[in-house]
Structure formats: C-alpha cells, structure tokens
Amino acid sequence: MTNEVRASHILVKTEDEAKKLYDEIKAGKSFAEAAEEVSLCPSGQNGGDLGFFSKGMMVKPFEDACFSMEVGEISQPVQTQFGWHLIQLTDKN
C-alpha cells in the first residue's frame, strides 16, 4: 500500500485555463515550466513540487486524485476550494 506520494501541481482559477494547460502539456510543454509561468501557488517557483505527503495532509479531492494516479501521470483538472489543479505524480513510497 502507498503511504506517501510526491506530486507537483499547477493551480489556476478556471477549469478552462486548466484544460488549456493540460492540452499544452500533453502536446509537449514542460509541466515544471508551465507551473513556473502560471501557477497561483507558491510551489510554482519550484516547478509545482509539493514534496512527499501522506493521506490527510491535502484537501480530499486533491488527495484522492494523487493516491489514484501512477507515477508520471498527469491528471485531468481537479477542482478544490482553492481553484483548479493539474497534478503530476512524481513518486510513491
């Protein structure tokens, strides 16, 4: 069972922004570069890297997405009270 995951994310205000970014990343744009350019979260300065976290540390929709992904996968837009996220799972423990 996975106890911890490491993820990067990009936080934007609208679903449309998130969908556009998702398409750009799938077409070859660097996730980290996109995070640095547009993410509203301070983690954007680090390419969106949030480090390792365990269950109960993030808001539920975000956590659920992270713990259901495979390493290297990029999520479809995920909505939380903070806005819309694209998530890239980078590691699991």
N, C-alpha and C. Protein backbone atom coordinates (compact mmCIF):
# COMPACT_ATOMS: atom_id res chain seq x y z
N MET A 1 0.84 -1.21 0.00
CA MET A 1 0.00 0.00 0.00
C MET A 1 0.87 1.25 0.00
N THR A 2 0.43 2.24 -0.72
CA THR A 2 1.16 3.50 -0.80
C THR A 2 0.89 4.33 0.45
N ASN A 3 1.95 4.71 1.14
CA ASN A 3 1.82 5.53 2.34
C ASN A 3 2.00 7.00 2.05
N GLU A 4 2.88 7.29 1.09
CA GLU A 4 3.18 8.67 0.73
C GLU A 4 3.28 8.79 -0.78
N VAL A 5 2.94 9.96 -1.26
CA VAL A 5 3.15 10.28 -2.67
C VAL A 5 3.89 11.60 -2.77
N ARG A 6 4.55 11.80 -3.89
CA ARG A 6 5.16 13.09 -4.19
C ARG A 6 4.51 13.59 -5.46
N ALA A 7 4.07 14.83 -5.42
CA ALA A 7 3.36 15.38 -6.57
C ALA A 7 3.78 16.83 -6.81
N SER A 8 3.59 17.22 -8.05
CA SER A 8 3.71 18.62 -8.44
C SER A 8 2.34 19.04 -8.93
N HIS A 9 2.04 20.32 -8.81
CA HIS A 9 0.74 20.77 -9.30
C HIS A 9 0.83 22.17 -9.86
N ILE A 10 -0.18 22.49 -10.65
CA ILE A 10 -0.35 23.83 -11.19
C ILE A 10 -1.75 24.27 -10.76
N LEU A 11 -1.83 25.40 -10.11
CA LEU A 11 -3.10 25.94 -9.63
C LEU A 11 -3.50 27.14 -10.48
N VAL A 12 -4.72 27.07 -11.04
CA VAL A 12 -5.27 28.18 -11.83
C VAL A 12 -6.70 28.45 -11.36
N LYS A 13 -7.27 29.55 -11.83
CA LYS A 13 -8.60 29.96 -11.35
C LYS A 13 -9.76 29.24 -12.01
N THR A 14 -9.61 28.90 -13.31
CA THR A 14 -10.77 28.36 -14.02
C THR A 14 -10.50 26.99 -14.63
N GLU A 15 -11.57 26.25 -14.85
CA GLU A 15 -11.47 24.94 -15.49
C GLU A 15 -10.95 25.09 -16.92
N ASP A 16 -11.38 26.14 -17.61
CA ASP A 16 -10.92 26.37 -18.99
C ASP A 16 -9.40 26.56 -19.05
N GLU A 17 -8.86 27.34 -18.10
CA GLU A 17 -7.41 27.52 -18.02
C GLU A 17 -6.71 26.18 -17.81
N ALA A 18 -7.26 25.40 -16.89
CA ALA A 18 -6.66 24.10 -16.56
C ALA A 18 -6.71 23.17 -17.78
N LYS A 19 -7.82 23.16 -18.50
CA LYS A 19 -7.94 22.29 -19.68
C LYS A 19 -6.96 22.71 -20.78
N LYS A 20 -6.81 24.00 -20.97
CA LYS A 20 -5.88 24.52 -21.98
C LYS A 20 -4.45 24.10 -21.62
N LEU A 21 -4.09 24.27 -20.36
CA LEU A 21 -2.75 23.87 -19.90
C LEU A 21 -2.53 22.37 -20.06
N TYR A 22 -3.55 21.59 -19.73
CA TYR A 22 -3.46 20.14 -19.87
C TYR A 22 -3.12 19.78 -21.31
N ASP A 23 -3.82 20.39 -22.24
CA ASP A 23 -3.57 20.13 -23.66
C ASP A 23 -2.16 20.54 -24.07
N GLU A 24 -1.70 21.68 -23.56
CA GLU A 24 -0.34 22.16 -23.89
C GLU A 24 0.72 21.20 -23.35
N ILE A 25 0.51 20.71 -22.13
CA ILE A 25 1.47 19.78 -21.52
C ILE A 25 1.46 18.44 -22.27
N LYS A 26 0.28 17.96 -22.60
CA LYS A 26 0.18 16.71 -23.36
C LYS A 26 0.84 16.85 -24.73
N ALA A 27 0.87 18.07 -25.27
CA ALA A 27 1.48 18.32 -26.58
C ALA A 27 2.99 18.55 -26.47
N GLY A 28 3.54 18.51 -25.24
CA GLY A 28 4.99 18.59 -25.09
C GLY A 28 5.53 19.68 -24.21
N LYS A 29 4.68 20.59 -23.74
CA LYS A 29 5.17 21.65 -22.85
C LYS A 29 5.60 21.03 -21.52
N SER A 30 6.68 21.54 -20.96
CA SER A 30 7.17 21.05 -19.68
C SER A 30 6.20 21.42 -18.55
N PHE A 31 5.85 20.41 -17.73
CA PHE A 31 4.95 20.65 -16.59
C PHE A 31 5.57 21.69 -15.66
N ALA A 32 6.86 21.53 -15.34
CA ALA A 32 7.54 22.44 -14.42
C ALA A 32 7.57 23.87 -14.97
N GLU A 33 7.83 23.98 -16.26
CA GLU A 33 7.86 25.30 -16.90
C GLU A 33 6.48 25.97 -16.82
N ALA A 34 5.44 25.19 -17.10
CA ALA A 34 4.08 25.72 -17.03
C ALA A 34 3.75 26.17 -15.60
N ALA A 35 4.17 25.37 -14.62
CA ALA A 35 3.93 25.73 -13.21
C ALA A 35 4.61 27.05 -12.87
N GLU A 36 5.85 27.21 -13.29
CA GLU A 36 6.58 28.44 -13.00
C GLU A 36 5.93 29.65 -13.65
N GLU A 37 5.37 29.45 -14.83
CA GLU A 37 4.77 30.56 -15.58
C GLU A 37 3.41 30.99 -15.06
N VAL A 38 2.56 30.03 -14.68
CA VAL A 38 1.16 30.39 -14.42
C VAL A 38 0.57 29.97 -13.08
N SER A 39 1.22 29.09 -12.34
CA SER A 39 0.60 28.59 -11.11
C SER A 39 0.40 29.70 -10.09
N LEU A 40 -0.77 29.70 -9.46
CA LEU A 40 -1.10 30.68 -8.42
C LEU A 40 -0.55 30.25 -7.06
N CYS A 41 -0.04 29.04 -6.96
CA CYS A 41 0.51 28.51 -5.71
C CYS A 41 2.00 28.87 -5.63
N PRO A 42 2.49 29.21 -4.44
CA PRO A 42 3.93 29.48 -4.29
C PRO A 42 4.82 28.34 -4.76
N SER A 43 4.30 27.11 -4.76
CA SER A 43 5.10 25.97 -5.22
C SER A 43 5.46 26.09 -6.70
N GLY A 44 4.77 26.94 -7.42
CA GLY A 44 5.08 27.16 -8.83
C GLY A 44 6.52 27.55 -9.06
N GLN A 45 7.10 28.26 -8.10
CA GLN A 45 8.50 28.67 -8.20
C GLN A 45 9.45 27.47 -8.22
N ASN A 46 8.98 26.34 -7.71
CA ASN A 46 9.76 25.10 -7.70
C ASN A 46 9.23 24.11 -8.73
N GLY A 47 8.64 24.61 -9.79
CA GLY A 47 8.07 23.74 -10.81
C GLY A 47 6.81 23.04 -10.34
N GLY A 48 6.21 23.54 -9.26
CA GLY A 48 4.98 22.97 -8.73
C GLY A 48 5.19 21.87 -7.71
N ASP A 49 6.44 21.55 -7.39
CA ASP A 49 6.75 20.43 -6.50
C ASP A 49 6.24 20.68 -5.08
N LEU A 50 5.43 19.74 -4.59
CA LEU A 50 4.90 19.81 -3.23
C LEU A 50 5.64 18.89 -2.27
N GLY A 51 6.58 18.13 -2.77
CA GLY A 51 7.30 17.17 -1.94
C GLY A 51 6.41 15.97 -1.62
N PHE A 52 6.87 15.15 -0.67
CA PHE A 52 6.11 13.97 -0.25
C PHE A 52 5.04 14.38 0.76
N PHE A 53 3.88 13.71 0.69
CA PHE A 53 2.84 13.90 1.69
C PHE A 53 2.05 12.61 1.82
N SER A 54 1.42 12.47 2.98
CA SER A 54 0.62 11.28 3.25
C SER A 54 -0.86 11.66 3.28
N LYS A 55 -1.71 10.64 3.38
CA LYS A 55 -3.15 10.89 3.42
C LYS A 55 -3.49 11.76 4.62
N GLY A 56 -4.44 12.66 4.42
CA GLY A 56 -4.87 13.56 5.48
C GLY A 56 -4.17 14.89 5.48
N MET A 57 -3.17 15.06 4.60
CA MET A 57 -2.40 16.31 4.59
C MET A 57 -2.91 17.32 3.55
N MET A 58 -3.66 16.84 2.57
CA MET A 58 -4.16 17.70 1.50
C MET A 58 -5.69 17.65 1.49
N VAL A 59 -6.30 18.60 0.81
CA VAL A 59 -7.76 18.58 0.71
C VAL A 59 -8.18 17.32 -0.06
N LYS A 60 -9.35 16.79 0.28
CA LYS A 60 -9.77 15.48 -0.20
C LYS A 60 -9.76 15.30 -1.72
N PRO A 61 -10.34 16.19 -2.52
CA PRO A 61 -10.33 15.95 -3.98
C PRO A 61 -8.90 15.85 -4.53
N PHE A 62 -8.02 16.68 -4.01
CA PHE A 62 -6.62 16.68 -4.45
C PHE A 62 -5.95 15.38 -4.02
N GLU A 63 -6.12 15.02 -2.77
CA GLU A 63 -5.54 13.79 -2.23
C GLU A 63 -6.05 12.56 -2.97
N ASP A 64 -7.36 12.50 -3.19
CA ASP A 64 -7.95 11.35 -3.89
C ASP A 64 -7.32 11.18 -5.27
N ALA A 65 -7.14 12.29 -5.98
CA ALA A 65 -6.54 12.23 -7.31
C ALA A 65 -5.10 11.71 -7.21
N CYS A 66 -4.33 12.26 -6.29
CA CYS A 66 -2.92 11.86 -6.16
C CYS A 66 -2.77 10.38 -5.85
N PHE A 67 -3.56 9.88 -4.91
CA PHE A 67 -3.40 8.50 -4.49
C PHE A 67 -3.99 7.50 -5.48
N SER A 68 -4.68 7.98 -6.50
CA SER A 68 -5.23 7.07 -7.52
C SER A 68 -4.40 7.07 -8.80
N MET A 69 -3.35 7.89 -8.84
CA MET A 69 -2.54 8.05 -10.05
C MET A 69 -1.32 7.14 -10.03
N GLU A 70 -0.76 6.94 -11.23
CA GLU A 70 0.50 6.24 -11.38
C GLU A 70 1.62 7.27 -11.53
N VAL A 71 2.84 6.91 -11.13
CA VAL A 71 3.98 7.81 -11.25
C VAL A 71 4.15 8.22 -12.71
N GLY A 72 4.31 9.53 -12.91
CA GLY A 72 4.48 10.08 -14.24
C GLY A 72 3.18 10.56 -14.87
N GLU A 73 2.06 10.14 -14.30
CA GLU A 73 0.75 10.51 -14.85
C GLU A 73 0.42 11.96 -14.54
N ILE A 74 -0.32 12.58 -15.45
CA ILE A 74 -0.82 13.95 -15.26
C ILE A 74 -2.34 13.87 -15.23
N SER A 75 -2.92 14.47 -14.19
CA SER A 75 -4.37 14.39 -14.00
C SER A 75 -5.11 15.30 -14.96
N GLN A 76 -6.37 14.97 -15.17
CA GLN A 76 -7.31 15.91 -15.74
C GLN A 76 -7.50 17.00 -14.67
N PRO A 77 -8.09 18.15 -15.00
CA PRO A 77 -8.31 19.19 -14.00
C PRO A 77 -9.10 18.68 -12.78
N VAL A 78 -8.62 19.06 -11.59
CA VAL A 78 -9.24 18.67 -10.32
C VAL A 78 -9.64 19.96 -9.60
N GLN A 79 -10.90 20.04 -9.18
CA GLN A 79 -11.38 21.25 -8.50
C GLN A 79 -11.31 21.09 -7.00
N THR A 80 -10.79 22.13 -6.32
CA THR A 80 -10.84 22.23 -4.86
C THR A 80 -11.32 23.64 -4.52
N GLN A 81 -11.41 23.93 -3.23
CA GLN A 81 -11.82 25.28 -2.83
C GLN A 81 -10.79 26.33 -3.21
N PHE A 82 -9.58 25.89 -3.61
CA PHE A 82 -8.52 26.84 -3.98
C PHE A 82 -8.54 27.21 -5.45
N GLY A 83 -9.20 26.39 -6.25
CA GLY A 83 -9.24 26.61 -7.69
C GLY A 83 -9.14 25.28 -8.41
N TRP A 84 -8.52 25.31 -9.58
CA TRP A 84 -8.39 24.13 -10.43
C TRP A 84 -6.93 23.72 -10.50
N HIS A 85 -6.69 22.43 -10.33
CA HIS A 85 -5.32 21.90 -10.31
C HIS A 85 -5.09 20.94 -11.46
N LEU A 86 -3.88 20.97 -11.98
CA LEU A 86 -3.34 19.87 -12.77
C LEU A 86 -2.28 19.26 -11.86
N ILE A 87 -2.28 17.95 -11.77
CA ILE A 87 -1.38 17.26 -10.86
C ILE A 87 -0.52 16.30 -11.65
N GLN A 88 0.78 16.29 -11.32
CA GLN A 88 1.68 15.31 -11.88
C GLN A 88 2.24 14.50 -10.72
N LEU A 89 1.98 13.20 -10.73
CA LEU A 89 2.53 12.34 -9.68
C LEU A 89 3.96 12.00 -10.03
N THR A 90 4.89 12.30 -9.12
CA THR A 90 6.31 12.13 -9.42
C THR A 90 6.95 10.97 -8.67
N ASP A 91 6.34 10.49 -7.57
CA ASP A 91 6.93 9.38 -6.83
C ASP A 91 5.93 8.81 -5.83
N LYS A 92 6.18 7.58 -5.40
CA LYS A 92 5.37 6.92 -4.37
C LYS A 92 6.28 6.19 -3.41
N ASN A 93 5.90 6.16 -2.14
CA ASN A 93 6.62 5.35 -1.14
C ASN A 93 5.67 4.32 -0.59
